[in-house]
C-alpha cells in the first residue's frame, strides 16, 4: 500500500498530473494543506482521460484546470482555469506550444491559491462534458465529411500525445487515423486540406505521388501521406 509511504513523508501538498488512477480518499486526506490535480482541459468541460477530444470536436479553445482532488475523477472545486485559442495549424508542436503556457499558468496560480487555503469554485454540473478515449469507430475518417472536419479529426487521432501527453513511438509513427482508400483499409499519418474543388465523388483518388495521395472529399480536396495498409476492415 502506498498510504504508509506517503504518510511517512508528511506532505504539505499532493499534486497529481496525467495520473490515470483514482487516488483513495485516505491518500488525499494525508496532505496537510491540499491535494490537487492538473487537468489539461477547461473543466467542467472534457472531464476524463482524452483531452485530444477538444481538437477532434472542433473546440475553439484549449484549456487547463487545477482543481482539488475528490473521490471521483475531475470533479473537485476549481482553483485556477486557463484557456486560450486553438491554433489554426494543428501539428503536435503547434498544439503543445499553445497548451504549455496554459498548463503552467493554471498550475502556478492554482497551487498558490491552494497553499493559501482558498476553497476554490465549485464546478457547474450543467456544463459537464466527458471525454473518453477514441472508439474504434471514431478512428475511421469518412471522405463524405468536409475537409476542415477531416483535418482536425486526423490531427487529434495522430497527435504524438494523449492521456499522458505522449504515446509509444511506434504508435505515433504508424498513425491512429484510418480510412478506406481504393476499397482497402489504410492507416494514415498526415492529412491536410487543399485549395480547389473536386469534380469527383468523395473518396476518389485524384492524384498519386510517391509519398502522397490527393483525395476528393465533400467540399474539395485533401492531401494524405504516411499511408499504410491496415487489415482491420
C-alpha atoms as a PDB file:
ATOM      1  CA  UNK A   1       0.000   0.000   0.000  1.00  0.00           C
ATOM      2  CA  UNK A   2       1.223   3.480  -0.880  1.00  0.00           C
ATOM      3  CA  UNK A   3      -0.553   5.153   2.029  1.00  0.00           C
ATOM      4  CA  UNK A   4       2.047   4.356   4.749  1.00  0.00           C
ATOM      5  CA  UNK A   5       4.846   5.603   2.477  1.00  0.00           C
ATOM      6  CA  UNK A   6       3.010   8.834   1.696  1.00  0.00           C
ATOM      7  CA  UNK A   7       2.017   9.401   5.317  1.00  0.00           C
ATOM      8  CA  UNK A   8       5.639   8.939   6.329  1.00  0.00           C
ATOM      9  CA  UNK A   9       6.570  11.807   4.011  1.00  0.00           C
ATOM     10  CA  UNK A  10       4.035  14.063   5.762  1.00  0.00           C
ATOM     11  CA  UNK A  11       3.335  16.010   2.552  1.00  0.00           C
ATOM     12  CA  UNK A  12       2.060  19.571   2.699  1.00  0.00           C
ATOM     13  CA  UNK A  13       0.729  19.322  -0.850  1.00  0.00           C
ATOM     14  CA  UNK A  14      -0.108  16.401  -3.131  1.00  0.00           C
ATOM     15  CA  UNK A  15      -0.069  17.211  -6.858  1.00  0.00           C
ATOM     16  CA  UNK A  16      -1.440  14.841  -9.492  1.00  0.00           C
ATOM     17  CA  UNK A  17      -0.979  15.331 -13.231  1.00  0.00           C
ATOM     18  CA  UNK A  18      -1.866  12.834 -16.007  1.00  0.00           C
ATOM     19  CA  UNK A  19      -2.092  10.097 -13.386  1.00  0.00           C
ATOM     20  CA  UNK A  20      -4.621   7.580 -14.751  1.00  0.00           C
ATOM     21  CA  UNK A  21      -5.680   6.096 -11.399  1.00  0.00           C
ATOM     22  CA  UNK A  22      -8.105   7.368  -8.784  1.00  0.00           C
ATOM     23  CA  UNK A  23      -6.363   8.280  -5.539  1.00  0.00           C
ATOM     24  CA  UNK A  24      -8.033   6.843  -2.421  1.00  0.00           C
ATOM     25  CA  UNK A  25      -9.564   9.354  -0.045  1.00  0.00           C
ATOM     26  CA  UNK A  26      -7.051   8.269   2.606  1.00  0.00           C
ATOM     27  CA  UNK A  27      -4.174   9.469   0.415  1.00  0.00           C
ATOM     28  CA  UNK A  28      -5.976  12.702  -0.483  1.00  0.00           C
ATOM     29  CA  UNK A  29      -6.562  13.370   3.219  1.00  0.00           C
ATOM     30  CA  UNK A  30      -2.908  12.751   4.076  1.00  0.00           C
ATOM     31  CA  UNK A  31      -1.873  16.127   2.610  1.00  0.00           C
ATOM     32  CA  UNK A  32      -1.574  18.742   5.357  1.00  0.00           C
ATOM     33  CA  UNK A  33      -2.737  21.609   3.144  1.00  0.00           C
ATOM     34  CA  UNK A  34      -4.250  20.283  -0.069  1.00  0.00           C
ATOM     35  CA  UNK A  35      -4.341  17.559  -2.701  1.00  0.00           C
ATOM     36  CA  UNK A  36      -4.810  18.922  -6.228  1.00  0.00           C
ATOM     37  CA  UNK A  37      -4.867  17.745  -9.824  1.00  0.00           C
ATOM     38  CA  UNK A  38      -3.807  19.493 -13.027  1.00  0.00           C
ATOM     39  CA  UNK A  39      -6.257  18.540 -15.765  1.00  0.00           C
ATOM     40  CA  UNK A  40      -5.480  19.545 -19.390  1.00  0.00           C
ATOM     41  CA  UNK A  41      -8.967  20.819 -20.292  1.00  0.00           C
ATOM     42  CA  UNK A  42     -11.175  23.706 -19.132  1.00  0.00           C
ATOM     43  CA  UNK A  43     -13.281  21.907 -16.539  1.00  0.00           C
ATOM     44  CA  UNK A  44     -16.070  21.006 -16.197  1.00  0.00           C
ATOM     45  CA  UNK A  45     -15.868  20.537 -19.955  1.00  0.00           C
ATOM     46  CA  UNK A  46     -13.998  17.453 -21.156  1.00  0.00           C
ATOM     47  CA  UNK A  47     -13.684  15.542 -17.919  1.00  0.00           C
ATOM     48  CA  UNK A  48     -11.949  12.228 -18.466  1.00  0.00           C
ATOM     49  CA  UNK A  49      -8.816  10.722 -19.966  1.00  0.00           C
ATOM     50  CA  UNK A  50      -8.770  12.150 -23.502  1.00  0.00           C
ATOM     51  CA  UNK A  51      -8.068  15.896 -23.808  1.00  0.00           C
ATOM     52  CA  UNK A  52      -7.482  15.449 -27.544  1.00  0.00           C
ATOM     53  CA  UNK A  53     -11.255  15.450 -27.961  1.00  0.00           C
ATOM     54  CA  UNK A  54     -11.054  19.227 -27.841  1.00  0.00           C
ATOM     55  CA  UNK A  55      -9.290  19.035 -31.204  1.00  0.00           C
ATOM     56  CA  UNK A  56     -11.426  16.198 -32.578  1.00  0.00           C
ATOM     57  CA  UNK A  57     -14.675  18.013 -31.724  1.00  0.00           C
ATOM     58  CA  UNK A  58     -13.573  21.355 -33.144  1.00  0.00           C
ATOM     59  CA  UNK A  59     -13.362  23.246 -29.850  1.00  0.00           C
ATOM     60  CA  UNK A  60     -12.231  26.842 -30.492  1.00  0.00           C
ATOM     61  CA  UNK A  61     -10.036  26.734 -27.392  1.00  0.00           C
ATOM     62  CA  UNK A  62      -7.563  24.685 -25.399  1.00  0.00           C
ATOM     63  CA  UNK A  63      -7.500  24.820 -21.639  1.00  0.00           C
ATOM     64  CA  UNK A  64      -6.105  23.617 -18.330  1.00  0.00           C
ATOM     65  CA  UNK A  65      -7.520  23.463 -14.801  1.00  0.00           C
ATOM     66  CA  UNK A  66      -6.037  22.987 -11.356  1.00  0.00           C
ATOM     67  CA  UNK A  67      -8.692  21.608  -9.010  1.00  0.00           C
ATOM     68  CA  UNK A  68      -8.985  19.933  -5.632  1.00  0.00           C
ATOM     69  CA  UNK A  69      -8.965  16.154  -5.667  1.00  0.00           C
ATOM     70  CA  UNK A  70     -12.148  14.333  -4.704  1.00  0.00           C
ATOM     71  CA  UNK A  71     -13.257  10.706  -4.729  1.00  0.00           C
ATOM     72  CA  UNK A  72     -14.372  10.981  -8.390  1.00  0.00           C
ATOM     73  CA  UNK A  73     -12.214  11.992 -11.348  1.00  0.00           C
ATOM     74  CA  UNK A  74     -12.076  15.696 -12.291  1.00  0.00           C
ATOM     75  CA  UNK A  75     -14.941  16.840 -10.050  1.00  0.00           C
ATOM     76  CA  UNK A  76     -13.286  18.978  -7.369  1.00  0.00           C
ATOM     77  CA  UNK A  77     -13.591  22.722  -6.851  1.00  0.00           C
ATOM     78  CA  UNK A  78     -11.572  24.783  -9.330  1.00  0.00           C
ATOM     79  CA  UNK A  79      -8.576  26.742  -8.081  1.00  0.00           C
ATOM     80  CA  UNK A  80      -7.403  28.078 -11.437  1.00  0.00           C
ATOM     81  CA  UNK A  81      -8.551  27.780 -15.049  1.00  0.00           C
ATOM     82  CA  UNK A  82      -6.578  28.962 -18.077  1.00  0.00           C
ATOM     83  CA  UNK A  83      -7.980  28.966 -21.606  1.00  0.00           C
ATOM     84  CA  UNK A  84      -6.607  30.111 -24.963  1.00  0.00           C
ATOM     85  CA  UNK A  85      -7.363  29.830 -28.688  1.00  0.00           C
ATOM     86  CA  UNK A  86      -6.870  26.609 -30.601  1.00  0.00           C
ATOM     87  CA  UNK A  87      -4.057  27.099 -33.125  1.00  0.00           C
ATOM     88  CA  UNK A  88      -5.010  27.227 -36.788  1.00  0.00           C
ATOM     89  CA  UNK A  89      -2.233  24.780 -37.719  1.00  0.00           C
ATOM     90  CA  UNK A  90      -2.841  21.507 -35.885  1.00  0.00           C
ATOM     91  CA  UNK A  91       0.523  19.823 -35.514  1.00  0.00           C
ATOM     92  CA  UNK A  92       1.776  18.225 -32.312  1.00  0.00           C
ATOM     93  CA  UNK A  93       4.331  21.024 -31.924  1.00  0.00           C
ATOM     94  CA  UNK A  94       1.909  23.893 -32.548  1.00  0.00           C
ATOM     95  CA  UNK A  95      -0.752  22.469 -30.236  1.00  0.00           C
ATOM     96  CA  UNK A  96       1.717  21.803 -27.431  1.00  0.00           C
ATOM     97  CA  UNK A  97       3.217  25.303 -27.793  1.00  0.00           C
ATOM     98  CA  UNK A  98      -0.298  26.711 -27.327  1.00  0.00           C
ATOM     99  CA  UNK A  99      -1.121  24.294 -24.490  1.00  0.00           C
ATOM    100  CA  UNK A 100       2.045  24.549 -22.417  1.00  0.00           C
ATOM    101  CA  UNK A 101       1.598  28.129 -21.134  1.00  0.00           C
ATOM    102  CA  UNK A 102      -1.997  27.357 -20.179  1.00  0.00           C
ATOM    103  CA  UNK A 103      -0.888  24.344 -18.150  1.00  0.00           C
ATOM    104  CA  UNK A 104       1.846  26.337 -16.444  1.00  0.00           C
ATOM    105  CA  UNK A 105      -0.457  29.238 -15.655  1.00  0.00           C
ATOM    106  CA  UNK A 106      -3.185  27.037 -14.198  1.00  0.00           C
ATOM    107  CA  UNK A 107      -0.581  25.180 -12.133  1.00  0.00           C
ATOM    108  CA  UNK A 108       1.217  28.214 -10.712  1.00  0.00           C
ATOM    109  CA  UNK A 109      -1.918  30.230  -9.954  1.00  0.00           C
ATOM    110  CA  UNK A 110      -3.801  27.241  -8.568  1.00  0.00           C
ATOM    111  CA  UNK A 111      -1.033  25.988  -6.286  1.00  0.00           C
ATOM    112  CA  UNK A 112      -0.623  29.470  -4.833  1.00  0.00           C
ATOM    113  CA  UNK A 113      -4.340  29.569  -4.029  1.00  0.00           C
ATOM    114  CA  UNK A 114      -4.318  26.054  -2.587  1.00  0.00           C
ATOM    115  CA  UNK A 115      -1.411  26.906  -0.290  1.00  0.00           C
ATOM    116  CA  UNK A 116      -3.307  29.997   0.804  1.00  0.00           C
ATOM    117  CA  UNK A 117      -6.259  27.824   1.782  1.00  0.00           C
ATOM    118  CA  UNK A 118      -8.706  29.195  -0.775  1.00  0.00           C
ATOM    119  CA  UNK A 119     -11.765  26.940  -1.190  1.00  0.00           C
ATOM    120  CA  UNK A 120     -11.959  27.149  -4.973  1.00  0.00           C
ATOM    121  CA  UNK A 121     -15.069  27.483  -7.139  1.00  0.00           C
ATOM    122  CA  UNK A 122     -17.483  24.521  -7.351  1.00  0.00           C
ATOM    123  CA  UNK A 123     -17.861  23.139 -10.857  1.00  0.00           C
ATOM    124  CA  UNK A 124     -21.063  23.923 -12.733  1.00  0.00           C
ATOM    125  CA  UNK A 125     -22.547  20.482 -13.299  1.00  0.00           C
ATOM    126  CA  UNK A 126     -24.816  21.854 -16.037  1.00  0.00           C
ATOM    127  CA  UNK A 127     -21.669  22.445 -18.122  1.00  0.00           C
ATOM    128  CA  UNK A 128     -20.157  18.966 -17.712  1.00  0.00           C
ATOM    129  CA  UNK A 129     -18.990  17.006 -20.735  1.00  0.00           C
ATOM    130  CA  UNK A 130     -16.939  13.803 -20.771  1.00  0.00           C
ATOM    131  CA  UNK A 131     -14.006  12.831 -22.986  1.00  0.00           C
ATOM    132  CA  UNK A 132     -13.425   9.065 -23.182  1.00  0.00           C
ATOM    133  CA  UNK A 133     -10.715   7.517 -25.300  1.00  0.00           C
ATOM    134  CA  UNK A 134     -11.455   7.361 -29.012  1.00  0.00           C
ATOM    135  CA  UNK A 135     -13.541   4.365 -30.020  1.00  0.00           C
ATOM    136  CA  UNK A 136     -12.600   2.188 -32.955  1.00  0.00           C
ATOM    137  CA  UNK A 137     -15.470   3.698 -34.933  1.00  0.00           C
ATOM    138  CA  UNK A 138     -14.222   7.224 -34.239  1.00  0.00           C
ATOM    139  CA  UNK A 139     -10.818   6.349 -35.681  1.00  0.00           C
ATOM    140  CA  UNK A 140     -12.322   5.923 -39.147  1.00  0.00           C
ATOM    141  CA  UNK A 141     -12.389   9.007 -41.368  1.00  0.00           C
ATOM    142  CA  UNK A 142     -15.328   9.419 -43.738  1.00  0.00           C
ATOM    143  CA  UNK A 143     -14.440  11.121 -47.036  1.00  0.00           C
ATOM    144  CA  UNK A 144     -18.007  12.465 -47.231  1.00  0.00           C
ATOM    145  CA  UNK A 145     -17.151  14.917 -44.426  1.00  0.00           C
ATOM    146  CA  UNK A 146     -15.832  18.469 -45.029  1.00  0.00           C
ATOM    147  CA  UNK A 147     -12.061  18.845 -45.271  1.00  0.00           C
ATOM    148  CA  UNK A 148     -11.871  21.026 -42.116  1.00  0.00           C
ATOM    149  CA  UNK A 149     -13.549  18.262 -40.094  1.00  0.00           C
ATOM    150  CA  UNK A 150     -11.259  15.607 -41.532  1.00  0.00           C
ATOM    151  CA  UNK A 151      -8.221  17.782 -40.827  1.00  0.00           C
ATOM    152  CA  UNK A 152      -8.956  18.260 -37.126  1.00  0.00           C
ATOM    153  CA  UNK A 153     -10.032  14.645 -36.585  1.00  0.00           C
ATOM    154  CA  UNK A 154      -6.874  13.288 -38.200  1.00  0.00           C
ATOM    155  CA  UNK A 155      -4.783  15.754 -36.190  1.00  0.00           C
ATOM    156  CA  UNK A 156      -6.411  14.639 -32.925  1.00  0.00           C
ATOM    157  CA  UNK A 157      -6.086  10.946 -33.702  1.00  0.00           C
ATOM    158  CA  UNK A 158      -2.465  11.206 -34.794  1.00  0.00           C
ATOM    159  CA  UNK A 159      -1.181  13.665 -32.215  1.00  0.00           C
ATOM    160  CA  UNK A 160       2.007  12.437 -30.574  1.00  0.00           C
ATOM    161  CA  UNK A 161       0.495  12.918 -27.147  1.00  0.00           C
ATOM    162  CA  UNK A 162      -2.614  11.633 -25.461  1.00  0.00           C
ATOM    163  CA  UNK A 163      -3.742  10.804 -21.956  1.00  0.00           C
ATOM    164  CA  UNK A 164      -0.174  11.128 -20.695  1.00  0.00           C
ATOM    165  CA  UNK A 165       0.833  13.695 -23.349  1.00  0.00           C
ATOM    166  CA  UNK A 166       2.924  11.031 -25.049  1.00  0.00           C
ATOM    167  CA  UNK A 167       2.145   7.781 -26.847  1.00  0.00           C
ATOM    168  CA  UNK A 168       4.501   4.933 -27.758  1.00  0.00           C
ATOM    169  CA  UNK A 169       6.892   5.921 -30.531  1.00  0.00           C
ATOM    170  CA  UNK A 170       5.715   3.139 -32.822  1.00  0.00           C
ATOM    171  CA  UNK A 171       2.073   4.212 -32.438  1.00  0.00           C
ATOM    172  CA  UNK A 172       2.962   7.821 -33.214  1.00  0.00           C
ATOM    173  CA  UNK A 173       4.815   6.805 -36.376  1.00  0.00           C
ATOM    174  CA  UNK A 174       2.066   4.485 -37.568  1.00  0.00           C
ATOM    175  CA  UNK A 175      -0.867   6.832 -37.072  1.00  0.00           C
ATOM    176  CA  UNK A 176      -4.202   6.130 -35.436  1.00  0.00           C
ATOM    177  CA  UNK A 177      -6.486   7.644 -38.090  1.00  0.00           C
ATOM    178  CA  UNK A 178      -7.945   5.111 -40.530  1.00  0.00           C
ATOM    179  CA  UNK A 179      -9.734   5.418 -43.871  1.00  0.00           C
ATOM    180  CA  UNK A 180     -10.785   3.388 -46.864  1.00  0.00           C
ATOM    181  CA  UNK A 181      -8.682   4.127 -49.960  1.00  0.00           C
ATOM    182  CA  UNK A 182      -9.497   2.341 -53.231  1.00  0.00           C
ATOM    183  CA  UNK A 183     -11.555  -0.186 -51.304  1.00  0.00           C
ATOM    184  CA  UNK A 184      -8.775  -1.096 -48.878  1.00  0.00           C
ATOM    185  CA  UNK A 185      -8.362  -0.083 -45.236  1.00  0.00           C
ATOM    186  CA  UNK A 186      -5.386   2.162 -44.514  1.00  0.00           C
ATOM    187  CA  UNK A 187      -3.863   3.950 -41.580  1.00  0.00           C
ATOM    188  CA  UNK A 188      -2.737   7.457 -42.475  1.00  0.00           C
ATOM    189  CA  UNK A 189      -0.279   9.637 -40.620  1.00  0.00           C
ATOM    190  CA  UNK A 190      -0.929  13.090 -42.096  1.00  0.00           C
ATOM    191  CA  UNK A 191      -3.909  14.837 -43.673  1.00  0.00           C
ATOM    192  CA  UNK A 192      -4.129  18.455 -44.764  1.00  0.00           C
ATOM    193  CA  UNK A 193      -6.799  20.420 -46.633  1.00  0.00           C
ATOM    194  CA  UNK A 194      -6.034  21.713 -50.124  1.00  0.00           C
ATOM    195  CA  UNK A 195      -7.456  24.582 -52.137  1.00  0.00           C
ATOM    196  CA  UNK A 196      -9.628  23.924 -55.153  1.00  0.00           C
ATOM    197  CA  UNK A 197     -12.762  21.974 -55.946  1.00  0.00           C
ATOM    198  CA  UNK A 198     -13.130  18.289 -56.742  1.00  0.00           C
ATOM    199  CA  UNK A 199     -15.198  17.144 -59.697  1.00  0.00           C
ATOM    200  CA  UNK A 200     -15.319  13.608 -58.349  1.00  0.00           C
ATOM    201  CA  UNK A 201     -17.141  11.573 -55.705  1.00  0.00           C
ATOM    202  CA  UNK A 202     -15.793  11.750 -52.148  1.00  0.00           C
ATOM    203  CA  UNK A 203     -13.103   9.142 -51.628  1.00  0.00           C
ATOM    204  CA  UNK A 204     -11.848   9.261 -55.227  1.00  0.00           C
ATOM    205  CA  UNK A 205      -8.051   9.353 -55.503  1.00  0.00           C
ATOM    206  CA  UNK A 206      -7.349  12.326 -57.771  1.00  0.00           C
ATOM    207  CA  UNK A 207      -3.573  12.176 -57.840  1.00  0.00           C
ATOM    208  CA  UNK A 208      -0.838   9.838 -56.676  1.00  0.00           C
ATOM    209  CA  UNK A 209       2.711  10.863 -55.920  1.00  0.00           C
ATOM    210  CA  UNK A 210       5.499   8.847 -54.384  1.00  0.00           C
ATOM    211  CA  UNK A 211       4.611   9.757 -50.817  1.00  0.00           C
ATOM    212  CA  UNK A 212       1.195  11.427 -51.001  1.00  0.00           C
ATOM    213  CA  UNK A 213      -2.321  10.987 -52.306  1.00  0.00           C
ATOM    214  CA  UNK A 214      -4.812  13.705 -53.231  1.00  0.00           C
ATOM    215  CA  UNK A 215      -8.351  12.605 -52.369  1.00  0.00           C
ATOM    216  CA  UNK A 216     -11.730  14.171 -53.083  1.00  0.00           C
ATOM    217  CA  UNK A 217     -13.908  14.947 -50.057  1.00  0.00           C
ATOM    218  CA  UNK A 218     -17.290  16.595 -49.509  1.00  0.00           C
ATOM    219  CA  UNK A 219     -16.169  20.153 -50.203  1.00  0.00           C
ATOM    220  CA  UNK A 220     -12.867  19.858 -52.056  1.00  0.00           C
ATOM    221  CA  UNK A 221      -9.558  18.059 -51.750  1.00  0.00           C
ATOM    222  CA  UNK A 222      -7.215  16.770 -49.041  1.00  0.00           C
ATOM    223  CA  UNK A 223      -3.661  15.538 -49.237  1.00  0.00           C
ATOM    224  CA  UNK A 224      -2.752  12.450 -47.189  1.00  0.00           C
ATOM    225  CA  UNK A 225       0.615  10.837 -46.519  1.00  0.00           C
ATOM    226  CA  UNK A 226       2.122   8.187 -44.347  1.00  0.00           C
ATOM    227  CA  UNK A 227      -0.426   5.640 -45.601  1.00  0.00           C
ATOM    228  CA  UNK A 228      -0.056   2.034 -44.523  1.00  0.00           C
ATOM    229  CA  UNK A 229      -2.374  -0.815 -45.494  1.00  0.00           C
ATOM    230  CA  UNK A 230      -4.370  -1.986 -42.479  1.00  0.00           C
ATOM    231  CA  UNK A 231      -6.117  -5.328 -42.156  1.00  0.00           C
ATOM    232  CA  UNK A 232      -8.823  -4.223 -39.703  1.00  0.00           C
ATOM    233  CA  UNK A 233     -11.553  -3.821 -42.321  1.00  0.00           C
END
